[in-house]
C-alpha atoms as a PDB file:
ATOM      1  CA  MET A   1     -10.316  19.613 -51.936  1.00  0.00           C
ATOM      2  CA  ILE A   2      -9.579  21.495 -55.106  1.00  0.00           C
ATOM      3  CA  ASN A   3      -7.223  24.500 -54.871  1.00  0.00           C
ATOM      4  CA  ASN A   4      -8.777  27.227 -57.041  1.00  0.00           C
ATOM      5  CA  ALA A   5      -7.248  30.538 -58.194  1.00  0.00           C
ATOM      6  CA  PHE A   6      -8.786  33.461 -59.979  1.00  0.00           C
ATOM      7  CA  ILE A   7      -7.306  35.596 -62.698  1.00  0.00           C
ATOM      8  CA  GLY A   8      -9.417  38.801 -62.694  1.00  0.00           C
ATOM      9  CA  PHE A   9     -11.270  40.415 -59.755  1.00  0.00           C
ATOM     10  CA  GLY A  10     -14.011  42.453 -61.474  1.00  0.00           C
ATOM     11  CA  LYS A  11     -17.772  42.065 -61.376  1.00  0.00           C
ATOM     12  CA  SER A  12     -17.766  38.708 -63.023  1.00  0.00           C
ATOM     13  CA  ALA A  13     -15.570  37.174 -60.315  1.00  0.00           C
ATOM     14  CA  THR A  14     -17.115  38.910 -57.352  1.00  0.00           C
ATOM     15  CA  ARG A  15     -20.719  38.509 -58.427  1.00  0.00           C
ATOM     16  CA  TYR A  16     -21.024  35.286 -60.465  1.00  0.00           C
ATOM     17  CA  HIS A  17     -18.253  33.032 -59.210  1.00  0.00           C
ATOM     18  CA  LEU A  18     -16.801  33.709 -55.834  1.00  0.00           C
ATOM     19  CA  PRO A  19     -20.152  33.748 -53.877  1.00  0.00           C
ATOM     20  CA  TYR A  20     -20.780  30.206 -55.113  1.00  0.00           C
ATOM     21  CA  VAL A  21     -17.235  28.835 -54.782  1.00  0.00           C
ATOM     22  CA  LEU A  22     -16.779  30.267 -51.247  1.00  0.00           C
ATOM     23  CA  ALA A  23     -20.025  28.551 -50.243  1.00  0.00           C
ATOM     24  CA  ARG A  24     -18.529  25.179 -51.288  1.00  0.00           C
ATOM     25  CA  LYS A  25     -15.825  24.981 -48.668  1.00  0.00           C
ATOM     26  CA  ASP A  26     -16.039  21.147 -48.694  1.00  0.00           C
ATOM     27  CA  LYS A  27     -14.953  21.071 -52.261  1.00  0.00           C
ATOM     28  CA  PHE A  28     -12.915  24.180 -53.038  1.00  0.00           C
ATOM     29  CA  LYS A  29     -10.368  26.415 -51.459  1.00  0.00           C
ATOM     30  CA  VAL A  30      -9.716  29.770 -53.160  1.00  0.00           C
ATOM     31  CA  SER A  31      -5.982  30.240 -52.713  1.00  0.00           C
ATOM     32  CA  TYR A  32      -5.148  33.249 -54.912  1.00  0.00           C
ATOM     33  CA  ILE A  33      -6.759  36.133 -56.783  1.00  0.00           C
ATOM     34  CA  PHE A  34      -4.641  37.873 -59.392  1.00  0.00           C
ATOM     35  CA  ASP A  35      -5.444  41.379 -60.620  1.00  0.00           C
ATOM     36  CA  ASN A  36      -3.325  43.804 -62.520  1.00  0.00           C
ATOM     37  CA  VAL A  37      -4.697  46.702 -60.452  1.00  0.00           C
ATOM     38  CA  ARG A  38      -5.046  45.925 -56.819  1.00  0.00           C
ATOM     39  CA  ASP A  39      -7.987  47.267 -54.756  1.00  0.00           C
ATOM     40  CA  PRO A  40      -6.938  47.180 -51.092  1.00  0.00           C
ATOM     41  CA  GLN A  41     -10.485  48.120 -49.876  1.00  0.00           C
ATOM     42  CA  LYS A  42     -12.119  45.363 -51.769  1.00  0.00           C
ATOM     43  CA  GLU A  43      -9.481  42.875 -50.681  1.00  0.00           C
ATOM     44  CA  LYS A  44     -10.260  43.685 -46.998  1.00  0.00           C
ATOM     45  CA  LEU A  45     -13.848  42.512 -47.186  1.00  0.00           C
ATOM     46  CA  THR A  46     -14.704  39.738 -44.744  1.00  0.00           C
ATOM     47  CA  GLN A  47     -15.487  37.066 -47.332  1.00  0.00           C
ATOM     48  CA  TYR A  48     -12.065  37.312 -48.967  1.00  0.00           C
ATOM     49  CA  GLN A  49      -9.992  36.897 -45.836  1.00  0.00           C
ATOM     50  CA  GLY A  50      -7.578  33.974 -46.097  1.00  0.00           C
ATOM     51  CA  ILE A  51      -7.107  34.511 -49.804  1.00  0.00           C
ATOM     52  CA  GLU A  52      -3.837  35.772 -51.085  1.00  0.00           C
ATOM     53  CA  PHE A  53      -3.986  38.617 -53.562  1.00  0.00           C
ATOM     54  CA  THR A  54      -1.299  39.133 -56.092  1.00  0.00           C
ATOM     55  CA  ASP A  55      -0.431  41.281 -59.102  1.00  0.00           C
ATOM     56  CA  CYS A  56       2.023  38.615 -60.320  1.00  0.00           C
ATOM     57  CA  VAL A  57       0.367  35.828 -62.328  1.00  0.00           C
ATOM     58  CA  GLU A  58       3.422  33.624 -61.969  1.00  0.00           C
ATOM     59  CA  THR A  59       2.492  33.281 -58.211  1.00  0.00           C
ATOM     60  CA  ILE A  60      -0.521  31.150 -59.417  1.00  0.00           C
ATOM     61  CA  LEU A  61       1.226  29.462 -62.332  1.00  0.00           C
ATOM     62  CA  ASN A  62       4.139  28.262 -60.199  1.00  0.00           C
ATOM     63  CA  ASP A  63       2.121  26.870 -57.256  1.00  0.00           C
ATOM     64  CA  PRO A  64       1.715  23.128 -57.794  1.00  0.00           C
ATOM     65  CA  GLN A  65      -1.120  23.044 -55.241  1.00  0.00           C
ATOM     66  CA  VAL A  66      -3.344  25.115 -57.564  1.00  0.00           C
ATOM     67  CA  THR A  67      -5.134  22.713 -59.948  1.00  0.00           C
ATOM     68  CA  LEU A  68      -8.044  24.896 -61.235  1.00  0.00           C
ATOM     69  CA  VAL A  69      -7.819  28.445 -62.413  1.00  0.00           C
ATOM     70  CA  THR A  70     -10.928  30.579 -63.229  1.00  0.00           C
ATOM     71  CA  VAL A  71     -10.296  33.263 -65.896  1.00  0.00           C
ATOM     72  CA  CYS A  72     -12.558  36.305 -65.386  1.00  0.00           C
ATOM     73  CA  THR A  73     -10.688  38.892 -67.453  1.00  0.00           C
ATOM     74  CA  PRO A  74     -11.965  40.890 -70.512  1.00  0.00           C
ATOM     75  CA  PRO A  75     -12.656  38.659 -73.524  1.00  0.00           C
ATOM     76  CA  ASP A  76      -9.657  39.615 -75.580  1.00  0.00           C
ATOM     77  CA  SER A  77      -7.386  38.131 -72.942  1.00  0.00           C
ATOM     78  CA  HIS A  78      -9.231  34.873 -72.392  1.00  0.00           C
ATOM     79  CA  PHE A  79      -7.185  32.877 -74.873  1.00  0.00           C
ATOM     80  CA  TYR A  80      -3.882  34.202 -73.612  1.00  0.00           C
ATOM     81  CA  TYR A  81      -4.561  33.402 -69.908  1.00  0.00           C
ATOM     82  CA  ALA A  82      -6.218  30.039 -70.587  1.00  0.00           C
ATOM     83  CA  LYS A  83      -3.338  28.851 -72.749  1.00  0.00           C
ATOM     84  CA  LEU A  84      -0.859  30.078 -70.251  1.00  0.00           C
ATOM     85  CA  CYS A  85      -2.520  28.090 -67.428  1.00  0.00           C
ATOM     86  CA  LEU A  86      -2.852  24.964 -69.520  1.00  0.00           C
ATOM     87  CA  GLU A  87       0.820  25.134 -70.391  1.00  0.00           C
ATOM     88  CA  HIS A  88       1.538  25.234 -66.631  1.00  0.00           C
ATOM     89  CA  GLY A  89      -0.583  22.140 -65.945  1.00  0.00           C
ATOM     90  CA  LYS A  90      -3.751  23.854 -64.603  1.00  0.00           C
ATOM     91  CA  ASN A  91      -7.341  22.989 -65.405  1.00  0.00           C
ATOM     92  CA  VAL A  92      -9.170  26.118 -66.577  1.00  0.00           C
ATOM     93  CA  LEU A  93     -12.700  27.605 -66.402  1.00  0.00           C
ATOM     94  CA  VAL A  94     -13.190  30.618 -68.628  1.00  0.00           C
ATOM     95  CA  GLU A  95     -15.837  33.277 -68.500  1.00  0.00           C
ATOM     96  CA  LYS A  96     -17.969  34.099 -71.492  1.00  0.00           C
ATOM     97  CA  PRO A  97     -17.337  34.381 -74.375  1.00  0.00           C
ATOM     98  CA  PHE A  98     -14.871  31.491 -74.042  1.00  0.00           C
ATOM     99  CA  THR A  99     -12.603  32.817 -76.712  1.00  0.00           C
ATOM    100  CA  PRO A 100     -12.928  35.539 -79.380  1.00  0.00           C
ATOM    101  CA  THR A 101     -12.649  32.974 -82.232  1.00  0.00           C
ATOM    102  CA  LEU A 102     -13.505  29.332 -82.889  1.00  0.00           C
ATOM    103  CA  GLU A 103      -9.920  28.654 -84.013  1.00  0.00           C
ATOM    104  CA  GLU A 104      -8.557  29.792 -80.564  1.00  0.00           C
ATOM    105  CA  ALA A 105     -11.096  27.481 -78.836  1.00  0.00           C
ATOM    106  CA  LYS A 106      -9.930  24.563 -80.877  1.00  0.00           C
ATOM    107  CA  ILE A 107      -6.360  25.290 -79.830  1.00  0.00           C
ATOM    108  CA  LEU A 108      -7.232  25.329 -76.200  1.00  0.00           C
ATOM    109  CA  PHE A 109      -9.224  22.121 -76.355  1.00  0.00           C
ATOM    110  CA  ALA A 110      -6.477  20.349 -78.209  1.00  0.00           C
ATOM    111  CA  LEU A 111      -3.878  21.506 -75.731  1.00  0.00           C
ATOM    112  CA  ALA A 112      -6.044  20.315 -72.799  1.00  0.00           C
ATOM    113  CA  ARG A 113      -6.427  16.897 -74.382  1.00  0.00           C
ATOM    114  CA  GLU A 114      -2.663  16.703 -74.922  1.00  0.00           C
ATOM    115  CA  LYS A 115      -2.026  17.470 -71.286  1.00  0.00           C
ATOM    116  CA  ASN A 116      -4.978  15.502 -69.864  1.00  0.00           C
ATOM    117  CA  LEU A 117      -6.513  18.659 -68.438  1.00  0.00           C
ATOM    118  CA  LEU A 118      -9.978  20.196 -68.387  1.00  0.00           C
ATOM    119  CA  VAL A 119     -10.728  23.483 -70.181  1.00  0.00           C
ATOM    120  CA  THR A 120     -14.373  24.650 -70.267  1.00  0.00           C
ATOM    121  CA  PRO A 121     -16.558  27.696 -70.788  1.00  0.00           C
ATOM    122  CA  TYR A 122     -18.582  29.182 -67.947  1.00  0.00           C
ATOM    123  CA  GLN A 123     -22.193  28.599 -68.934  1.00  0.00           C
ATOM    124  CA  ASN A 124     -23.959  29.403 -65.667  1.00  0.00           C
ATOM    125  CA  ARG A 125     -27.258  30.031 -67.406  1.00  0.00           C
ATOM    126  CA  ARG A 126     -27.674  26.293 -67.866  1.00  0.00           C
ATOM    127  CA  PHE A 127     -28.637  26.512 -64.161  1.00  0.00           C
ATOM    128  CA  ASP A 128     -31.238  29.257 -64.406  1.00  0.00           C
ATOM    129  CA  SER A 129     -34.427  28.417 -62.586  1.00  0.00           C
ATOM    130  CA  CYS A 130     -36.612  29.395 -65.618  1.00  0.00           C
ATOM    131  CA  PHE A 131     -34.509  27.289 -68.003  1.00  0.00           C
ATOM    132  CA  LEU A 132     -34.448  24.283 -65.680  1.00  0.00           C
ATOM    133  CA  THR A 133     -38.199  24.486 -65.240  1.00  0.00           C
ATOM    134  CA  ILE A 134     -38.816  24.585 -69.013  1.00  0.00           C
ATOM    135  CA  LYS A 135     -36.283  21.777 -69.552  1.00  0.00           C
ATOM    136  CA  GLN A 136     -38.149  19.640 -67.053  1.00  0.00           C
ATOM    137  CA  ALA A 137     -41.459  20.240 -68.863  1.00  0.00           C
ATOM    138  CA  ILE A 138     -39.891  19.278 -72.255  1.00  0.00           C
ATOM    139  CA  GLU A 139     -38.305  16.176 -70.865  1.00  0.00           C
ATOM    140  CA  SER A 140     -41.619  15.062 -69.242  1.00  0.00           C
ATOM    141  CA  GLY A 141     -42.920  14.243 -72.713  1.00  0.00           C
ATOM    142  CA  LYS A 142     -46.331  15.968 -72.011  1.00  0.00           C
ATOM    143  CA  LEU A 143     -45.853  18.473 -74.778  1.00  0.00           C
ATOM    144  CA  GLY A 144     -45.349  15.793 -77.391  1.00  0.00           C
ATOM    145  CA  LYS A 145     -42.904  16.557 -80.226  1.00  0.00           C
ATOM    146  CA  ILE A 146     -41.492  20.060 -79.711  1.00  0.00           C
ATOM    147  CA  ILE A 147     -42.024  22.290 -82.625  1.00  0.00           C
ATOM    148  CA  GLU A 148     -41.090  25.813 -81.341  1.00  0.00           C
ATOM    149  CA  VAL A 149     -39.123  27.364 -78.481  1.00  0.00           C
ATOM    150  CA  GLU A 150     -38.881  31.067 -77.978  1.00  0.00           C
ATOM    151  CA  SER A 151     -36.543  32.554 -75.447  1.00  0.00           C
ATOM    152  CA  HIS A 152     -36.463  36.272 -74.507  1.00  0.00           C
ATOM    153  CA  PHE A 153     -33.823  38.100 -72.392  1.00  0.00           C
ATOM    154  CA  ASP A 154     -34.922  41.769 -72.612  1.00  0.00           C
ATOM    155  CA  TYR A 155     -34.430  45.069 -70.860  1.00  0.00           C
ATOM    156  CA  PHE A 156     -35.878  48.593 -71.063  1.00  0.00           C
ATOM    157  CA  ARG A 157     -32.877  50.832 -71.242  1.00  0.00           C
ATOM    158  CA  PRO A 158     -33.704  53.357 -73.904  1.00  0.00           C
ATOM    159  CA  ASP A 159     -30.758  55.675 -73.173  1.00  0.00           C
ATOM    160  CA  ALA A 160     -27.243  54.649 -74.178  1.00  0.00           C
ATOM    161  CA  ALA A 161     -24.179  56.791 -74.296  1.00  0.00           C
ATOM    162  CA  PRO A 162     -21.923  56.568 -77.387  1.00  0.00           C
ATOM    163  CA  GLN A 163     -19.533  53.706 -76.562  1.00  0.00           C
ATOM    164  CA  PRO A 164     -17.928  52.340 -79.790  1.00  0.00           C
ATOM    165  CA  GLY A 165     -16.318  49.008 -78.935  1.00  0.00           C
ATOM    166  CA  SER A 166     -15.707  45.503 -80.140  1.00  0.00           C
ATOM    167  CA  VAL A 167     -18.390  42.946 -81.014  1.00  0.00           C
ATOM    168  CA  PHE A 168     -17.603  41.250 -77.702  1.00  0.00           C
ATOM    169  CA  GLU A 169     -19.212  44.074 -75.798  1.00  0.00           C
ATOM    170  CA  GLY A 170     -22.524  43.780 -77.751  1.00  0.00           C
ATOM    171  CA  ALA A 171     -25.707  41.924 -76.928  1.00  0.00           C
ATOM    172  CA  PHE A 172     -25.077  38.842 -79.111  1.00  0.00           C
ATOM    173  CA  TYR A 173     -21.763  37.967 -77.595  1.00  0.00           C
ATOM    174  CA  GLY A 174     -22.848  39.228 -74.149  1.00  0.00           C
ATOM    175  CA  LEU A 175     -26.248  37.556 -73.779  1.00  0.00           C
ATOM    176  CA  GLY A 176     -26.667  35.444 -76.880  1.00  0.00           C
ATOM    177  CA  VAL A 177     -23.706  33.338 -75.771  1.00  0.00           C
ATOM    178  CA  HIS A 178     -25.936  32.085 -72.877  1.00  0.00           C
ATOM    179  CA  THR A 179     -29.374  31.830 -74.460  1.00  0.00           C
ATOM    180  CA  LEU A 180     -27.818  30.137 -77.443  1.00  0.00           C
ATOM    181  CA  ASP A 181     -26.060  27.673 -75.197  1.00  0.00           C
ATOM    182  CA  GLN A 182     -29.344  26.835 -73.514  1.00  0.00           C
ATOM    183  CA  ILE A 183     -30.837  25.815 -76.823  1.00  0.00           C
ATOM    184  CA  LEU A 184     -27.750  23.799 -77.784  1.00  0.00           C
ATOM    185  CA  SER A 185     -27.838  21.956 -74.482  1.00  0.00           C
ATOM    186  CA  LEU A 186     -31.430  20.922 -75.343  1.00  0.00           C
ATOM    187  CA  PHE A 187     -31.310  20.111 -79.059  1.00  0.00           C
ATOM    188  CA  GLY A 188     -27.683  20.063 -80.121  1.00  0.00           C
ATOM    189  CA  ARG A 189     -26.273  21.489 -83.299  1.00  0.00           C
ATOM    190  CA  PRO A 190     -28.885  22.984 -85.710  1.00  0.00           C
ATOM    191  CA  GLN A 191     -28.915  22.574 -89.485  1.00  0.00           C
ATOM    192  CA  GLN A 192     -29.415  26.239 -90.189  1.00  0.00           C
ATOM    193  CA  VAL A 193     -29.253  29.591 -88.336  1.00  0.00           C
ATOM    194  CA  ALA A 194     -30.882  32.811 -89.334  1.00  0.00           C
ATOM    195  CA  TYR A 195     -29.627  36.138 -87.768  1.00  0.00           C
ATOM    196  CA  HIS A 196     -30.771  39.724 -87.489  1.00  0.00           C
ATOM    197  CA  LEU A 197     -28.468  41.986 -85.414  1.00  0.00           C
ATOM    198  CA  ARG A 198     -29.215  45.703 -84.931  1.00  0.00           C
ATOM    199  CA  HIS A 199     -27.829  48.814 -83.312  1.00  0.00           C
ATOM    200  CA  LEU A 200     -31.020  50.712 -82.328  1.00  0.00           C
ATOM    201  CA  ARG A 201     -29.994  53.094 -79.530  1.00  0.00           C
ATOM    202  CA  GLN A 202     -26.549  54.329 -80.797  1.00  0.00           C
ATOM    203  CA  PRO A 203     -25.614  53.238 -84.368  1.00  0.00           C
ATOM    204  CA  GLY A 204     -21.912  53.487 -83.564  1.00  0.00           C
ATOM    205  CA  ASN A 205     -22.138  51.127 -80.583  1.00  0.00           C
ATOM    206  CA  PRO A 206     -21.934  47.370 -80.629  1.00  0.00           C
ATOM    207  CA  ASP A 207     -25.283  45.555 -81.368  1.00  0.00           C
ATOM    208  CA  ASP A 208     -27.951  46.014 -78.697  1.00  0.00           C
ATOM    209  CA  THR A 209     -30.726  43.981 -80.318  1.00  0.00           C
ATOM    210  CA  PHE A 210     -30.645  40.561 -81.941  1.00  0.00           C
ATOM    211  CA  GLU A 211     -32.726  37.706 -83.051  1.00  0.00           C
ATOM    212  CA  ALA A 212     -31.389  34.303 -83.981  1.00  0.00           C
ATOM    213  CA  GLN A 213     -33.454  31.396 -85.290  1.00  0.00           C
ATOM    214  CA  LEU A 214     -32.055  27.863 -85.040  1.00  0.00           C
ATOM    215  CA  PHE A 215     -33.633  25.268 -87.364  1.00  0.00           C
ATOM    216  CA  TYR A 216     -33.783  21.498 -86.485  1.00  0.00           C
ATOM    217  CA  GLY A 217     -36.034  19.987 -89.120  1.00  0.00           C
ATOM    218  CA  ASP A 218     -39.629  20.703 -87.929  1.00  0.00           C
ATOM    219  CA  LEU A 219     -38.275  22.445 -84.818  1.00  0.00           C
ATOM    220  CA  LYS A 220     -37.453  26.157 -84.682  1.00  0.00           C
ATOM    221  CA  ALA A 221     -35.847  27.700 -81.648  1.00  0.00           C
ATOM    222  CA  ILE A 222     -35.734  31.546 -81.409  1.00  0.00           C
ATOM    223  CA  ILE A 223     -33.580  33.598 -79.101  1.00  0.00           C
ATOM    224  CA  LYS A 224     -34.210  37.346 -78.783  1.00  0.00           C
ATOM    225  CA  THR A 225     -32.722  40.253 -76.853  1.00  0.00           C
ATOM    226  CA  SER A 226     -33.595  43.915 -76.961  1.00  0.00           C
ATOM    227  CA  HIS A 227     -32.919  46.888 -74.718  1.00  0.00           C
ATOM    228  CA  LEU A 228     -36.234  48.520 -75.849  1.00  0.00           C
ATOM    229  CA  VAL A 229     -38.851  46.261 -74.324  1.00  0.00           C
ATOM    230  CA  LYS A 230     -40.985  48.114 -71.767  1.00  0.00           C
ATOM    231  CA  VAL A 231     -43.597  45.376 -71.248  1.00  0.00           C
ATOM    232  CA  PRO A 232     -41.762  42.096 -70.929  1.00  0.00           C
ATOM    233  CA  TYR A 233     -42.430  39.006 -72.896  1.00  0.00           C
ATOM    234  CA  PRO A 234     -42.533  35.621 -71.135  1.00  0.00           C
ATOM    235  CA  ARG A 235     -38.994  34.379 -70.584  1.00  0.00           C
ATOM    236  CA  PHE A 236     -39.772  31.135 -72.412  1.00  0.00           C
ATOM    237  CA  ILE A 237     -42.652  29.936 -74.579  1.00  0.00           C
ATOM    238  CA  VAL A 238     -42.572  26.290 -75.823  1.00  0.00           C
ATOM    239  CA  HIS A 239     -45.039  24.643 -78.163  1.00  0.00           C
ATOM    240  CA  GLY A 240     -45.348  20.934 -78.922  1.00  0.00           C
ATOM    241  CA  THR A 241     -47.794  18.704 -80.735  1.00  0.00           C
ATOM    242  CA  LYS A 242     -49.654  17.989 -77.498  1.00  0.00           C
ATOM    243  CA  GLY A 243     -49.463  21.303 -75.659  1.00  0.00           C
ATOM    244  CA  SER A 244     -47.645  24.397 -74.628  1.00  0.00           C
ATOM    245  CA  VAL A 245     -45.672  25.702 -71.591  1.00  0.00           C
ATOM    246  CA  VAL A 246     -45.070  29.308 -70.692  1.00  0.00           C
ATOM    247  CA  CYS A 247     -42.606  30.682 -68.038  1.00  0.00           C
ATOM    248  CA  TYR A 248     -42.966  34.369 -67.378  1.00  0.00           C
ATOM    249  CA  GLN A 249     -40.252  35.289 -64.975  1.00  0.00           C
ATOM    250  CA  ILE A 250     -36.476  35.197 -65.329  1.00  0.00           C
ATOM    251  CA  ASP A 251     -34.274  33.508 -62.743  1.00  0.00           C
ATOM    252  CA  GLN A 252     -33.739  35.750 -59.722  1.00  0.00           C
ATOM    253  CA  GLN A 253     -30.118  34.855 -58.758  1.00  0.00           C
ATOM    254  CA  GLU A 254     -28.679  37.816 -60.586  1.00  0.00           C
ATOM    255  CA  THR A 255     -31.121  40.238 -58.998  1.00  0.00           C
ATOM    256  CA  CYS A 256     -30.231  38.865 -55.492  1.00  0.00           C
ATOM    257  CA  LEU A 257     -26.513  39.037 -56.203  1.00  0.00           C
ATOM    258  CA  LYS A 258     -26.827  42.641 -57.341  1.00  0.00           C
ATOM    259  CA  ASN A 259     -28.674  43.505 -54.124  1.00  0.00           C
ATOM    260  CA  GLY A 260     -26.039  41.786 -51.935  1.00  0.00           C
ATOM    261  CA  ILE A 261     -28.203  38.731 -51.074  1.00  0.00           C
ATOM    262  CA  MET A 262     -25.721  35.873 -51.233  1.00  0.00           C
ATOM    263  CA  PRO A 263     -26.385  32.085 -52.046  1.00  0.00           C
ATOM    264  CA  ASP A 264     -26.185  31.106 -48.373  1.00  0.00           C
ATOM    265  CA  HIS A 265     -29.031  33.417 -47.444  1.00  0.00           C
ATOM    266  CA  PRO A 266     -32.491  31.697 -46.916  1.00  0.00           C
ATOM    267  CA  ASP A 267     -34.160  34.268 -49.154  1.00  0.00           C
ATOM    268  CA  PHE A 268     -31.725  33.865 -52.013  1.00  0.00           C
ATOM    269  CA  ALA A 269     -33.621  33.495 -55.307  1.00  0.00           C
ATOM    270  CA  ALA A 270     -36.647  32.409 -53.328  1.00  0.00           C
ATOM    271  CA  ASP A 271     -39.207  34.564 -55.351  1.00  0.00           C
ATOM    272  CA  GLN A 272     -39.515  32.277 -58.357  1.00  0.00           C
ATOM    273  CA  GLN A 273     -42.756  32.015 -60.365  1.00  0.00           C
ATOM    274  CA  CYS A 274     -44.094  28.738 -61.626  1.00  0.00           C
ATOM    275  CA  ALA A 275     -44.713  27.899 -65.249  1.00  0.00           C
ATOM    276  CA  LEU A 276     -48.062  27.255 -66.845  1.00  0.00           C
ATOM    277  CA  LEU A 277     -48.340  23.905 -68.649  1.00  0.00           C
ATOM    278  CA  ASP A 278     -51.403  23.149 -70.879  1.00  0.00           C
ATOM    279  CA  TYR A 279     -51.533  19.832 -72.705  1.00  0.00           C
ATOM    280  CA  ILE A 280     -53.656  16.970 -73.933  1.00  0.00           C
ATOM    281  CA  ASP A 281     -52.878  13.462 -72.685  1.00  0.00           C
ATOM    282  CA  ASP A 282     -52.917  10.204 -74.698  1.00  0.00           C
ATOM    283  CA  GLU A 283     -56.636   9.749 -73.955  1.00  0.00           C
ATOM    284  CA  GLY A 284     -57.487  13.153 -75.347  1.00  0.00           C
ATOM    285  CA  HIS A 285     -58.160  14.852 -71.979  1.00  0.00           C
ATOM    286  CA  SER A 286     -57.032  18.433 -71.474  1.00  0.00           C
ATOM    287  CA  HIS A 287     -54.851  19.377 -68.465  1.00  0.00           C
ATOM    288  CA  THR A 288     -53.642  22.661 -67.018  1.00  0.00           C
ATOM    289  CA  GLU A 289     -50.801  22.554 -64.480  1.00  0.00           C
ATOM    290  CA  GLN A 290     -48.846  25.084 -62.503  1.00  0.00           C
ATOM    291  CA  LEU A 291     -45.327  23.858 -62.555  1.00  0.00           C
ATOM    292  CA  PRO A 292     -43.345  24.798 -59.455  1.00  0.00           C
ATOM    293  CA  ALA A 293     -40.053  26.495 -60.343  1.00  0.00           C
ATOM    294  CA  VAL A 294     -37.000  24.232 -60.342  1.00  0.00           C
ATOM    295  CA  LYS A 295     -34.412  25.895 -58.090  1.00  0.00           C
ATOM    296  CA  GLY A 296     -31.573  27.526 -59.949  1.00  0.00           C
ATOM    297  CA  ASP A 297     -27.947  27.526 -58.760  1.00  0.00           C
ATOM    298  CA  TYR A 298     -25.001  28.796 -60.699  1.00  0.00           C
ATOM    299  CA  GLY A 299     -22.781  27.004 -58.267  1.00  0.00           C
ATOM    300  CA  ARG A 300     -23.736  23.799 -60.059  1.00  0.00           C
ATOM    301  CA  VAL A 301     -21.116  24.746 -62.610  1.00  0.00           C
ATOM    302  CA  TYR A 302     -18.518  24.188 -60.003  1.00  0.00           C
ATOM    303  CA  ASP A 303     -20.227  21.081 -58.718  1.00  0.00           C
ATOM    304  CA  ALA A 304     -19.998  19.766 -62.208  1.00  0.00           C
ATOM    305  CA  ILE A 305     -16.308  20.624 -62.595  1.00  0.00           C
ATOM    306  CA  TYR A 306     -15.607  19.023 -59.165  1.00  0.00           C
ATOM    307  CA  ALA A 307     -17.225  15.792 -60.429  1.00  0.00           C
ATOM    308  CA  THR A 308     -15.252  15.922 -63.617  1.00  0.00           C
ATOM    309  CA  LEU A 309     -11.888  16.507 -61.881  1.00  0.00           C
ATOM    310  CA  THR A 310     -12.459  14.029 -59.008  1.00  0.00           C
ATOM    311  CA  GLU A 311     -14.687  11.354 -60.568  1.00  0.00           C
ATOM    312  CA  GLY A 312     -13.945  11.642 -64.305  1.00  0.00           C
ATOM    313  CA  THR A 313     -17.512  12.442 -65.293  1.00  0.00           C
ATOM    314  CA  ALA A 314     -18.143  14.092 -68.682  1.00  0.00           C
ATOM    315  CA  ASN A 315     -17.745  17.886 -68.682  1.00  0.00           C
ATOM    316  CA  TYR A 316     -21.102  19.692 -68.242  1.00  0.00           C
ATOM    317  CA  VAL A 317     -20.582  21.503 -71.568  1.00  0.00           C
ATOM    318  CA  SER A 318     -19.454  19.262 -74.432  1.00  0.00           C
ATOM    319  CA  GLU A 319     -16.693  20.248 -76.727  1.00  0.00           C
ATOM    320  CA  GLN A 320     -19.168  20.158 -79.652  1.00  0.00           C
ATOM    321  CA  ASP A 321     -21.578  22.531 -77.882  1.00  0.00           C
ATOM    322  CA  ALA A 322     -18.691  24.921 -77.090  1.00  0.00           C
ATOM    323  CA  PHE A 323     -17.499  24.926 -80.739  1.00  0.00           C
ATOM    324  CA  THR A 324     -20.966  25.328 -82.168  1.00  0.00           C
ATOM    325  CA  ASN A 325     -21.733  28.235 -79.839  1.00  0.00           C
ATOM    326  CA  LEU A 326     -18.626  30.085 -80.951  1.00  0.00           C
ATOM    327  CA  GLU A 327     -19.162  29.230 -84.627  1.00  0.00           C
ATOM    328  CA  ILE A 328     -22.671  30.649 -84.601  1.00  0.00           C
ATOM    329  CA  LEU A 329     -21.539  33.782 -82.715  1.00  0.00           C
ATOM    330  CA  GLU A 330     -18.506  34.375 -84.879  1.00  0.00           C
ATOM    331  CA  ARG A 331     -20.313  33.807 -88.261  1.00  0.00           C
ATOM    332  CA  ALA A 332     -22.995  36.276 -87.391  1.00  0.00           C
ATOM    333  CA  PHE A 333     -20.408  39.098 -87.786  1.00  0.00           C
ATOM    334  CA  HIS A 334     -19.121  37.754 -91.127  1.00  0.00           C
ATOM    335  CA  GLN A 335     -22.554  37.797 -92.760  1.00  0.00           C
ATOM    336  CA  PRO A 336     -24.866  40.590 -93.875  1.00  0.00           C
ATOM    337  CA  SER A 337     -27.703  41.036 -91.405  1.00  0.00           C
ATOM    338  CA  PRO A 338     -30.233  39.633 -91.610  1.00  0.00           C
ATOM    339  CA  SER A 339     -28.890  36.443 -93.087  1.00  0.00           C
ATOM    340  CA  LEU A 340     -29.470  32.705 -93.181  1.00  0.00           C
ATOM    341  CA  ILE A 341     -26.569  30.222 -93.050  1.00  0.00           C
ATOM    342  CA  SER A 342     -26.271  26.438 -93.158  1.00  0.00           C
ATOM    343  CA  LEU A 343     -24.140  24.608 -90.678  1.00  0.00           C
ATOM    344  CA  SER A 344     -22.297  21.566 -92.056  1.00  0.00           C
END
């Protein structure tokens, strides 16, 4: 049993973490939740009974029974809290973006190695149903050599109030951190990256539209997000030398969580569309298949961490992937847009 504590009690913690951790009572016990501003009404909810709430972070840091801390605070405090927890001998899971800068990430990973602890970003979108389905199709080999992957994560939200803020509140850091990680988990570090970031709804706001192209020799991976897409694109389109696969619908976990349908409910994320696979086999015969959706489960992040802490398995996000992700995000805001950079 791993004693887990949370720093931060906002939407991230209540929607994307706690429903999955609390459903894994055989592996985790949530002992504490720290928040600067306490909310007694929220703390009284049934699912949080048995958890000690505190506005004193030292309560968590000084309890030797707590071995894992999940940091769900605003991005500009991620480095501070993660470093503090590592210095007190705690393993740490950090919400996205992991740290504001690559240099801070390197400091945290070095400190974790020094203390024989785990520090890792929260990349729950590795366990999206749509991504897992596409990944399975790619790994089947039926598509041949992959030459292009296109990933869309779009909205139609044409109205936006003026809200000047940091780059961490924009689309690239907010969503690109996930869609970029999905590509890195499949193909690793690219040789080059092209960017185009835009502010279409409110010029003074952080970016709301982006496209990034990652180049791997003959393979190009494209990730795109816009808040001005009324008719949605497919979530994924993949082309290979032997065929193509298209997945139309995004994973439904987030929709269910927003509507109060929790992971232990039988209808949770049940409405998943299959993908269409069209390919030519080695004998030259054409095939069209409806691929059933692979079930998504963000709780697999915690399953992976449990395996790392109890069995010593490799962390589900490699240090190299974490660094490459932050490097690409960070460099996008130090280049003119659009731009093309080479990664050494």
